[in-house]
Protein backbone atom coordinates (compact mmCIF):
# COMPACT_ATOMS: atom_id res chain seq x y z
CA MET A 1 107.97 105.11 100.49
CA LEU A 2 109.32 105.91 103.97
CA SER A 3 109.87 103.12 106.46
CA THR A 4 107.28 102.44 109.12
CA GLU A 5 109.84 103.36 111.76
CA LEU A 6 110.52 106.76 110.16
CA LYS A 7 106.79 107.44 109.78
CA GLN A 8 106.34 106.70 113.49
CA THR A 9 109.19 109.07 114.32
CA ILE A 10 107.69 111.85 112.21
CA ASN A 11 104.30 111.28 113.83
CA ALA A 12 105.97 111.43 117.27
CA ALA A 13 107.54 114.77 116.30
CA ILE A 14 104.15 116.10 115.19
CA THR A 15 102.48 114.90 118.39
CA ASP A 16 105.22 116.52 120.49
CA THR A 17 104.88 119.76 118.53
CA GLN A 18 101.14 119.81 119.23
CA ARG A 19 101.67 118.95 122.92
CA ARG A 20 104.01 121.92 123.22
CA ARG A 21 101.39 124.13 121.51
CA HIS A 22 103.74 125.06 118.67
CA GLU A 23 102.38 126.03 115.28
CA TYR A 24 105.33 124.69 113.28
CA ILE A 25 107.29 121.47 113.40
CA THR A 26 110.96 122.38 113.13
CA LEU A 27 114.17 120.49 112.56
CA GLU A 28 114.69 120.63 116.33
CA HIS A 29 111.38 118.83 116.91
CA LEU A 30 112.37 116.23 114.32
CA LEU A 31 115.83 115.69 115.85
CA LEU A 32 114.30 115.37 119.30
CA ALA A 33 111.98 112.64 118.01
CA LEU A 34 114.90 110.91 116.27
CA LEU A 35 116.65 110.58 119.63
CA ASP A 36 113.96 108.03 120.54
CA ASP A 37 114.16 106.22 117.18
CA PRO A 38 116.24 103.04 117.68
CA SER A 39 118.00 103.27 114.30
CA ALA A 40 118.80 106.97 114.59
CA ARG A 41 119.92 106.55 118.19
CA LYS A 42 122.29 103.77 117.11
CA VAL A 43 123.84 106.04 114.46
CA ILE A 44 124.24 108.94 116.90
CA LEU A 45 125.92 106.67 119.45
CA ALA A 46 128.20 105.19 116.76
CA CYS A 47 129.31 108.75 115.95
CA GLN A 48 130.18 109.27 119.64
CA GLY A 49 127.13 111.50 120.12
CA ASP A 50 125.76 112.03 123.60
CA VAL A 51 122.04 111.35 123.16
CA GLU A 52 121.00 112.61 126.59
CA LYS A 53 123.06 115.81 126.31
CA LEU A 54 121.50 116.44 122.90
CA ARG A 55 118.05 115.89 124.40
CA VAL A 56 118.66 118.36 127.26
CA GLU A 57 120.06 121.00 124.91
CA LEU A 58 117.28 120.56 122.36
CA GLU A 59 114.60 120.80 125.06
CA ALA A 60 116.18 124.01 126.36
CA PHE A 61 116.48 125.47 122.86
CA ILE A 62 112.89 124.64 121.95
CA ASP A 63 111.54 126.03 125.22
CA ALA A 64 113.54 129.24 124.88
CA ASN A 65 113.14 129.95 121.17
CA ILE A 66 109.88 128.58 119.83
CA GLU A 67 106.74 130.53 120.60
CA ARG A 68 103.78 128.70 122.13
CA LEU A 69 100.27 129.31 120.87
CA PRO A 70 97.91 130.83 123.47
CA GLU A 71 95.90 128.33 125.52
CA ALA A 72 92.69 129.68 123.97
CA ALA A 73 93.93 129.00 120.42
CA GLU A 74 92.67 125.82 118.84
CA ILE A 75 95.38 123.76 117.16
CA THR A 76 93.87 122.29 114.00
CA ALA A 77 97.09 121.47 112.16
CA VAL A 78 100.83 121.60 112.58
CA HIS A 79 102.75 123.05 109.64
CA GLN A 80 106.27 122.12 108.70
CA THR A 81 109.03 124.64 108.23
CA ILE A 82 110.87 124.85 104.91
CA GLY A 83 113.83 123.07 106.52
CA VAL A 84 111.72 120.09 107.59
CA GLY A 85 110.18 119.90 104.12
CA ARG A 86 113.64 119.83 102.53
CA VAL A 87 114.91 117.14 104.90
CA LEU A 88 111.90 114.93 104.21
CA GLN A 89 112.18 115.52 100.48
CA ARG A 90 115.86 114.54 100.52
CA ALA A 91 115.05 111.44 102.55
CA ILE A 92 112.52 110.39 99.92
CA LEU A 93 115.01 111.07 97.11
CA HIS A 94 117.63 109.05 98.97
CA VAL A 95 115.23 106.10 99.27
CA GLN A 96 114.35 106.34 95.58
CA GLY A 97 118.04 106.45 94.62
């Protein structure tokens, strides 16, 4: 239902969330991954968005506000926040419409 490109972006967000040792994938993780998605990047630039400034600010926000799991904790799965679930659900509804 979702494009291959979007699936790759979501998987990149999940991988980044795991690399950072975060328990939950948030909208910030998803937006950070979208900055590397060619289609999303094109839209952001068309809206006069500063992709690199967004990246720096998102990295700082994530580092400052999202708790890391202890090194000893085993990460078996990354869970999505309610916000991420809603965004993905609306994306699917948009595609269906």
